[in-house]
C-alpha atoms as a PDB file:
ATOM      1  CA  MET A   1       0.000   0.000   0.000  1.00  0.00           C
ATOM      2  CA  LYS A   2       1.284   3.430  -0.920  1.00  0.00           C
ATOM      3  CA  THR A   3       0.597   4.902   2.520  1.00  0.00           C
ATOM      4  CA  SER A   4       2.828   2.265   4.135  1.00  0.00           C
ATOM      5  CA  LYS A   5       5.640   3.140   1.740  1.00  0.00           C
ATOM      6  CA  LEU A   6       5.283   6.851   2.475  1.00  0.00           C
ATOM      7  CA  GLN A   7       5.250   6.226   6.215  1.00  0.00           C
ATOM      8  CA  ALA A   8       8.433   4.171   5.876  1.00  0.00           C
ATOM      9  CA  GLU A   9      10.090   7.026   3.963  1.00  0.00           C
ATOM     10  CA  ILE A  10       9.116   9.470   6.688  1.00  0.00           C
ATOM     11  CA  GLN A  11      10.549   7.212   9.382  1.00  0.00           C
ATOM     12  CA  GLU A  12      13.784   6.824   7.437  1.00  0.00           C
ATOM     13  CA  LYS A  13      14.209  10.569   6.957  1.00  0.00           C
ATOM     14  CA  GLU A  14      13.304  11.301  10.564  1.00  0.00           C
ATOM     15  CA  ALA A  15      16.081   8.906  11.565  1.00  0.00           C
ATOM     16  CA  GLN A  16      18.430  10.903   9.322  1.00  0.00           C
ATOM     17  CA  LEU A  17      17.365  14.091  11.089  1.00  0.00           C
ATOM     18  CA  LEU A  18      18.165  12.546  14.453  1.00  0.00           C
ATOM     19  CA  GLU A  19      21.596  11.577  13.156  1.00  0.00           C
ATOM     20  CA  LEU A  20      22.207  15.127  11.893  1.00  0.00           C
ATOM     21  CA  GLN A  21      21.043  16.568  15.198  1.00  0.00           C
ATOM     22  CA  ASP A  22      23.529  14.367  16.998  1.00  0.00           C
ATOM     23  CA  LYS A  23      26.318  15.464  14.633  1.00  0.00           C
ATOM     24  CA  ARG A  24      25.454  19.127  15.195  1.00  0.00           C
ATOM     25  CA  ARG A  25      25.484  18.584  18.932  1.00  0.00           C
ATOM     26  CA  GLN A  26      28.909  17.011  18.684  1.00  0.00           C
ATOM     27  CA  SER A  27      30.101  19.853  16.436  1.00  0.00           C
ATOM     28  CA  LYS A  28      28.941  22.459  18.943  1.00  0.00           C
ATOM     29  CA  GLU A  29      30.712  20.672  21.782  1.00  0.00           C
ATOM     30  CA  GLU A  30      33.856  20.445  19.670  1.00  0.00           C
ATOM     31  CA  ILE A  31      33.700  24.123  18.628  1.00  0.00           C
ATOM     32  CA  ASP A  32      33.067  25.236  22.217  1.00  0.00           C
ATOM     33  CA  ALA A  33      36.074  23.220  23.418  1.00  0.00           C
ATOM     34  CA  LEU A  34      38.321  24.579  20.640  1.00  0.00           C
ATOM     35  CA  GLU A  35      37.161  28.151  21.272  1.00  0.00           C
ATOM     36  CA  ALA A  36      37.877  27.764  24.972  1.00  0.00           C
ATOM     37  CA  GLU A  37      41.349  26.445  24.213  1.00  0.00           C
ATOM     38  CA  ARG A  38      42.013  29.266  21.725  1.00  0.00           C
ATOM     39  CA  HIS A  39      40.786  31.837  24.235  1.00  0.00           C
ATOM     40  CA  GLY A  40      43.300  30.554  26.758  1.00  0.00           C
ATOM     41  CA  LEU A  41      46.181  31.181  24.312  1.00  0.00           C
ATOM     42  CA  VAL A  42      45.282  34.693  23.169  1.00  0.00           C
ATOM     43  CA  VAL A  43      47.215  36.526  25.886  1.00  0.00           C
ATOM     44  CA  ALA A  44      50.322  34.417  25.377  1.00  0.00           C
ATOM     45  CA  ALA A  45      50.210  34.894  21.616  1.00  0.00           C
ATOM     46  CA  ARG A  46      49.284  38.596  21.468  1.00  0.00           C
ATOM     47  CA  VAL A  47      50.798  40.028  24.662  1.00  0.00           C
ATOM     48  CA  HIS A  48      53.763  37.777  25.343  1.00  0.00           C
ATOM     49  CA  LYS A  49      54.426  37.164  21.657  1.00  0.00           C
ATOM     50  CA  SER A  50      54.791  33.441  22.145  1.00  0.00           C
ATOM     51  CA  PRO A  51      55.346  31.814  18.751  1.00  0.00           C
ATOM     52  CA  ASP A  52      54.154  28.441  20.082  1.00  0.00           C
ATOM     53  CA  ALA A  53      50.944  30.012  21.325  1.00  0.00           C
ATOM     54  CA  GLN A  54      50.462  31.760  17.982  1.00  0.00           C
ATOM     55  CA  LYS A  55      50.976  28.530  16.057  1.00  0.00           C
ATOM     56  CA  ALA A  56      48.587  26.731  18.407  1.00  0.00           C
ATOM     57  CA  ILE A  57      45.967  29.424  17.824  1.00  0.00           C
ATOM     58  CA  GLU A  58      46.373  29.089  14.064  1.00  0.00           C
ATOM     59  CA  ARG A  59      45.887  25.332  14.297  1.00  0.00           C
ATOM     60  CA  LEU A  60      42.863  25.828  16.526  1.00  0.00           C
ATOM     61  CA  VAL A  61      41.346  28.417  14.174  1.00  0.00           C
ATOM     62  CA  ALA A  62      41.726  25.996  11.265  1.00  0.00           C
ATOM     63  CA  LYS A  63      39.994  23.280  13.268  1.00  0.00           C
ATOM     64  CA  ILE A  64      37.237  25.662  14.374  1.00  0.00           C
ATOM     65  CA  THR A  65      36.698  26.821  10.788  1.00  0.00           C
ATOM     66  CA  LYS A  66      36.473  23.244   9.545  1.00  0.00           C
ATOM     67  CA  ALA A  67      34.138  22.261  12.372  1.00  0.00           C
ATOM     68  CA  ARG A  68      31.880  25.253  11.625  1.00  0.00           C
ATOM     69  CA  GLU A  69      31.847  24.416   7.918  1.00  0.00           C
ATOM     70  CA  GLU A  70      30.842  20.845   8.750  1.00  0.00           C
ATOM     71  CA  ASP A  71      28.162  22.106  11.117  1.00  0.00           C
ATOM     72  CA  ALA A  72      26.855  24.502   8.459  1.00  0.00           C
ATOM     73  CA  LEU A  73      26.620  21.687   5.913  1.00  0.00           C
ATOM     74  CA  ASN A  74      24.858  19.473   8.441  1.00  0.00           C
ATOM     75  CA  GLY A  75      22.461  22.336   9.167  1.00  0.00           C
ATOM     76  CA  GLU A  76      21.755  22.781   5.449  1.00  0.00           C
ATOM     77  CA  ALA A  77      21.139  19.044   5.085  1.00  0.00           C
ATOM     78  CA  PHE A  78      18.836  19.185   8.117  1.00  0.00           C
ATOM     79  CA  ILE A  79      16.743  21.920   6.490  1.00  0.00           C
ATOM     80  CA  GLN A  80      16.553  20.061   3.178  1.00  0.00           C
ATOM     81  CA  ILE A  81      15.508  16.786   4.776  1.00  0.00           C
ATOM     82  CA  SER A  82      12.953  18.600   6.952  1.00  0.00           C
ATOM     83  CA  GLY A  83      11.429  20.034   3.777  1.00  0.00           C
ATOM     84  CA  GLU A  84      11.375  16.596   2.176  1.00  0.00           C
ATOM     85  CA  ILE A  85       9.603  15.185   5.225  1.00  0.00           C
ATOM     86  CA  GLU A  86       6.935  17.898   5.044  1.00  0.00           C
ATOM     87  CA  ALA A  87       6.397  17.159   1.347  1.00  0.00           C
ATOM     88  CA  ILE A  88       6.072  13.425   2.000  1.00  0.00           C
ATOM     89  CA  LYS A  89       3.703  14.077   4.897  1.00  0.00           C
ATOM     90  CA  ALA A  90       1.542  16.217   2.613  1.00  0.00           C
ATOM     91  CA  GLU A  91       1.503  13.402   0.039  1.00  0.00           C
ATOM     92  CA  LEU A  92       0.676  10.921   2.801  1.00  0.00           C
ATOM     93  CA  ARG A  93      -2.268  13.052   3.942  1.00  0.00           C
ATOM     94  CA  ARG A  94      -3.575  13.195   0.368  1.00  0.00           C
ATOM     95  CA  GLU A  95      -3.194   9.448  -0.038  1.00  0.00           C
ATOM     96  CA  GLN A  96      -4.905   8.736   3.290  1.00  0.00           C
ATOM     97  CA  TRP A  97      -7.729  11.055   2.249  1.00  0.00           C
ATOM     98  CA  HIS A  98      -8.081   9.223  -1.063  1.00  0.00           C
ATOM     99  CA  GLU A  99      -8.192   5.898   0.777  1.00  0.00           C
ATOM    100  CA  ARG A 100     -10.896   7.191   3.127  1.00  0.00           C
ATOM    101  CA  CYS A 101     -12.916   8.442   0.168  1.00  0.00           C
ATOM    102  CA  ALA A 102     -12.433   5.108  -1.598  1.00  0.00           C
ATOM    103  CA  ALA A 103     -13.723   3.256   1.468  1.00  0.00           C
ATOM    104  CA  VAL A 104     -16.852   5.438   1.506  1.00  0.00           C
ATOM    105  CA  ARG A 105     -17.223   4.920  -2.244  1.00  0.00           C
ATOM    106  CA  GLN A 106     -17.327   1.162  -1.676  1.00  0.00           C
ATOM    107  CA  LEU A 107     -20.319   1.714   0.612  1.00  0.00           C
ATOM    108  CA  ILE A 108     -22.095   3.901  -1.934  1.00  0.00           C
ATOM    109  CA  GLU A 109     -21.432   2.022  -5.189  1.00  0.00           C
ATOM    110  CA  PRO A 110     -23.730  -0.956  -4.410  1.00  0.00           C
ATOM    111  CA  ARG A 111     -26.583   1.509  -3.822  1.00  0.00           C
ATOM    112  CA  VAL A 112     -26.232   3.354  -7.121  1.00  0.00           C
ATOM    113  CA  ALA A 113     -28.503   0.899  -8.953  1.00  0.00           C
ATOM    114  CA  GLY A 114     -31.275   1.431  -6.400  1.00  0.00           C
ATOM    115  CA  ASP A 115     -31.821  -2.316  -5.959  1.00  0.00           C
ATOM    116  CA  LEU A 116     -32.753  -2.074  -2.275  1.00  0.00           C
ATOM    117  CA  GLU A 117     -35.198   0.717  -2.984  1.00  0.00           C
ATOM    118  CA  GLN A 118     -36.744  -1.329  -5.768  1.00  0.00           C
ATOM    119  CA  LYS A 119     -37.007  -4.292  -3.410  1.00  0.00           C
ATOM    120  CA  ALA A 120     -38.686  -2.101  -0.777  1.00  0.00           C
ATOM    121  CA  LEU A 121     -41.133  -0.826  -3.379  1.00  0.00           C
ATOM    122  CA  GLY A 122     -41.894  -4.389  -4.463  1.00  0.00           C
ATOM    123  CA  LEU A 123     -42.575  -5.402  -0.878  1.00  0.00           C
ATOM    124  CA  ALA A 124     -44.802  -2.350  -0.431  1.00  0.00           C
ATOM    125  CA  LEU A 125     -46.798  -3.251  -3.557  1.00  0.00           C
ATOM    126  CA  ASP A 126     -47.080  -6.850  -2.351  1.00  0.00           C
ATOM    127  CA  LEU A 127     -48.292  -5.543   0.997  1.00  0.00           C
ATOM    128  CA  LYS A 128     -50.834  -3.348  -0.767  1.00  0.00           C
ATOM    129  CA  ARG A 129     -52.139  -6.314  -2.775  1.00  0.00           C
ATOM    130  CA  THR A 130     -52.292  -8.491   0.351  1.00  0.00           C
ATOM    131  CA  LEU A 131     -54.185  -5.822   2.286  1.00  0.00           C
ATOM    132  CA  GLY A 132     -56.564  -5.597  -0.652  1.00  0.00           C
ATOM    133  CA  GLN A 133     -57.122  -9.351  -0.469  1.00  0.00           C
ATOM    134  CA  ILE A 134     -57.766  -9.080   3.275  1.00  0.00           C
ATOM    135  CA  ALA A 135     -60.264  -6.262   2.742  1.00  0.00           C
ATOM    136  CA  ALA A 136     -62.074  -8.192  -0.007  1.00  0.00           C
ATOM    137  CA  SER A 137     -62.230 -11.335   2.133  1.00  0.00           C
ATOM    138  CA  ASP A 138     -63.470  -9.329   5.125  1.00  0.00           C
ATOM    139  CA  GLY A 139     -66.162  -7.806   2.952  1.00  0.00           C
ATOM    140  CA  GLU A 140     -67.410 -11.205   1.801  1.00  0.00           C
ATOM    141  CA  ILE A 141     -67.454 -12.499   5.380  1.00  0.00           C
ATOM    142  CA  VAL A 142     -69.337  -9.414   6.607  1.00  0.00           C
ATOM    143  CA  GLU A 143     -72.007  -9.820   3.909  1.00  0.00           C
ATOM    144  CA  ALA A 144     -72.353 -13.520   4.660  1.00  0.00           C
ATOM    145  CA  LEU A 145     -72.674 -12.980   8.411  1.00  0.00           C
ATOM    146  CA  GLN A 146     -75.216 -10.195   7.898  1.00  0.00           C
ATOM    147  CA  SER A 147     -77.336 -12.379   5.663  1.00  0.00           C
ATOM    148  CA  ILE A 148     -77.347 -15.600   7.663  1.00  0.00           C
ATOM    149  CA  HIS A 149     -78.789 -14.557  11.029  1.00  0.00           C
ATOM    150  CA  PRO A 150     -79.496 -11.349  12.979  1.00  0.00           C
ATOM    151  CA  SER A 151     -77.582 -12.612  16.004  1.00  0.00           C
ATOM    152  CA  LEU A 152     -74.395 -12.576  13.918  1.00  0.00           C
ATOM    153  CA  LEU A 153     -74.622  -8.853  13.139  1.00  0.00           C
ATOM    154  CA  PRO A 154     -72.207  -7.993  16.009  1.00  0.00           C
ATOM    155  CA  CYS A 155     -69.773 -10.489  14.510  1.00  0.00           C
ATOM    156  CA  ALA A 156     -70.153  -8.819  11.126  1.00  0.00           C
ATOM    157  CA  ASP A 157     -69.387  -5.449  12.715  1.00  0.00           C
ATOM    158  CA  ARG A 158     -66.380  -6.974  14.446  1.00  0.00           C
ATOM    159  CA  VAL A 159     -64.973  -8.316  11.183  1.00  0.00           C
ATOM    160  CA  GLY A 160     -65.674  -4.985   9.516  1.00  0.00           C
ATOM    161  CA  ARG A 161     -63.608  -3.138  12.124  1.00  0.00           C
ATOM    162  CA  MET A 162     -60.747  -5.565  11.561  1.00  0.00           C
ATOM    163  CA  GLY A 163     -60.424  -4.253   8.030  1.00  0.00           C
ATOM    164  CA  THR A 164     -59.269  -0.874   9.302  1.00  0.00           C
ATOM    165  CA  ARG A 165     -57.211  -2.102  12.212  1.00  0.00           C
ATOM    166  CA  VAL A 166     -54.961  -4.500  10.289  1.00  0.00           C
ATOM    167  CA  PRO A 167     -53.332  -1.713   8.210  1.00  0.00           C
ATOM    168  CA  GLU A 168     -52.960   0.333  11.393  1.00  0.00           C
ATOM    169  CA  MET A 169     -51.196  -2.536  13.170  1.00  0.00           C
ATOM    170  CA  ILE A 170     -48.846  -3.038  10.244  1.00  0.00           C
ATOM    171  CA  SER A 171     -48.180   0.691  10.124  1.00  0.00           C
ATOM    172  CA  GLY A 172     -47.342   0.596  13.824  1.00  0.00           C
ATOM    173  CA  ASN A 173     -44.787  -2.153  13.218  1.00  0.00           C
ATOM    174  CA  LEU A 174     -43.127  -0.024  10.558  1.00  0.00           C
ATOM    175  CA  ALA A 175     -42.581   2.904  12.940  1.00  0.00           C
ATOM    176  CA  PRO A 176     -40.283   4.741  13.175  1.00  0.00           C
ATOM    177  CA  VAL A 177     -39.004   3.703   9.742  1.00  0.00           C
ATOM    178  CA  LEU A 178     -42.208   4.970   8.146  1.00  0.00           C
ATOM    179  CA  GLU A 179     -44.255   7.807   9.529  1.00  0.00           C
ATOM    180  CA  ASN A 180     -47.771   6.928  10.630  1.00  0.00           C
ATOM    181  CA  PRO A 181     -50.614   9.018  12.034  1.00  0.00           C
ATOM    182  CA  PHE A 182     -51.299   6.761  15.001  1.00  0.00           C
ATOM    183  CA  SER A 183     -50.172   7.533  18.505  1.00  0.00           C
ATOM    184  CA  LYS A 184     -48.228   4.968  20.526  1.00  0.00           C
ATOM    185  CA  ALA A 185     -51.076   4.781  23.067  1.00  0.00           C
ATOM    186  CA  TYR A 186     -53.582   3.995  20.323  1.00  0.00           C
ATOM    187  CA  LEU A 187     -51.371   1.320  18.796  1.00  0.00           C
ATOM    188  CA  ASP A 188     -50.741  -0.200  22.214  1.00  0.00           C
ATOM    189  CA  ASN A 189     -54.507  -0.362  22.655  1.00  0.00           C
ATOM    190  CA  ILE A 190     -55.334  -2.106  19.390  1.00  0.00           C
ATOM    191  CA  GLY A 191     -52.170  -4.207  19.396  1.00  0.00           C
ATOM    192  CA  ARG A 192     -49.374  -4.684  16.868  1.00  0.00           C
ATOM    193  CA  ASP A 193     -49.855  -8.334  15.872  1.00  0.00           C
ATOM    194  CA  PRO A 194     -52.459  -8.583  13.083  1.00  0.00           C
ATOM    195  CA  GLN A 195     -52.127 -12.373  12.922  1.00  0.00           C
ATOM    196  CA  ALA A 196     -52.883 -12.872  16.609  1.00  0.00           C
ATOM    197  CA  SER A 197     -55.794 -10.446  16.354  1.00  0.00           C
ATOM    198  CA  ALA A 198     -57.199 -12.232  13.309  1.00  0.00           C
ATOM    199  CA  VAL A 199     -56.824 -15.669  14.946  1.00  0.00           C
ATOM    200  CA  GLN A 200     -58.644 -14.530  18.068  1.00  0.00           C
ATOM    201  CA  ASN A 201     -61.414 -12.676  16.249  1.00  0.00           C
ATOM    202  CA  PHE A 202     -62.136 -15.296  13.621  1.00  0.00           C
ATOM    203  CA  ARG A 203     -62.093 -18.114  16.179  1.00  0.00           C
ATOM    204  CA  GLU A 204     -64.694 -16.253  18.200  1.00  0.00           C
ATOM    205  CA  VAL A 205     -66.742 -15.511  15.069  1.00  0.00           C
ATOM    206  CA  LEU A 206     -66.570 -19.192  14.099  1.00  0.00           C
ATOM    207  CA  GLN A 207     -67.719 -20.161  17.560  1.00  0.00           C
ATOM    208  CA  ALA A 208     -70.661 -17.770  17.242  1.00  0.00           C
ATOM    209  CA  LEU A 209     -71.493 -19.227  13.827  1.00  0.00           C
ATOM    210  CA  ASP A 210     -71.293 -22.792  15.183  1.00  0.00           C
ATOM    211  CA  ASN A 211     -73.652 -21.776  17.980  1.00  0.00           C
ATOM    212  CA  VAL A 212     -76.099 -20.355  15.437  1.00  0.00           C
ATOM    213  CA  ALA A 213     -75.769 -23.489  13.320  1.00  0.00           C
ATOM    214  CA  GLU A 214     -76.845 -25.556  16.314  1.00  0.00           C
ATOM    215  CA  LEU A 215     -79.715 -23.266  17.324  1.00  0.00           C
ATOM    216  CA  GLU A 216     -81.289 -22.375  13.984  1.00  0.00           C
ATOM    217  CA  PRO A 217     -82.673 -25.784  12.975  1.00  0.00           C
ATOM    218  CA  ALA A 218     -84.425 -26.011  16.357  1.00  0.00           C
ATOM    219  CA  ALA A 219     -85.876 -22.554  15.785  1.00  0.00           C
ATOM    220  CA  GLU A 220     -87.137 -23.635  12.373  1.00  0.00           C
ATOM    221  CA  ARG A 221     -88.844 -26.685  13.883  1.00  0.00           C
ATOM    222  CA  VAL A 222     -90.622 -24.420  16.312  1.00  0.00           C
END
């Protein structure tokens, strides 16, 4: 990976900086020691006219000059490498940014075709058709109950109310993904399980119908 390579380059150059820093520290210590030694010979060379002191100063000055030249070169190299590190760090930041963007792109690309949205729409249309089938079946049952015996009219009303409550229950189960106009208290009251509600209601309606089926022939005989 390119970022790993850039990070390795930065580490390598930072190690070079540390080495140059150490060299400059050594140069300063050397220059300070040479300057101190030269300072101690100035009086002997300039006041007492000691040729040995003068020669020693000349040797020391040559060493100091060389040491300063070396330190200056090391300082120049330090500046250059520091600039190179900043340039590599800038490239690393750009590369890391590109990698982050690429990672986000991988999340987005599968959604470009809108397949999930199409699937959701298909499920919604299937739900709409199923609710239509429920409503049609409820309507047939209501008409049949109304026509068979007056005592089953409450059952017909009960089945009729189910037709409105089933969509409301389903809507409640979709919250908060889909907005719905029903309060939580209302949904808690009517329930959220349309299957359980249908099982209970239709079992009770069947029981009422079975009771009528047993009673009606006797009523006819009377």
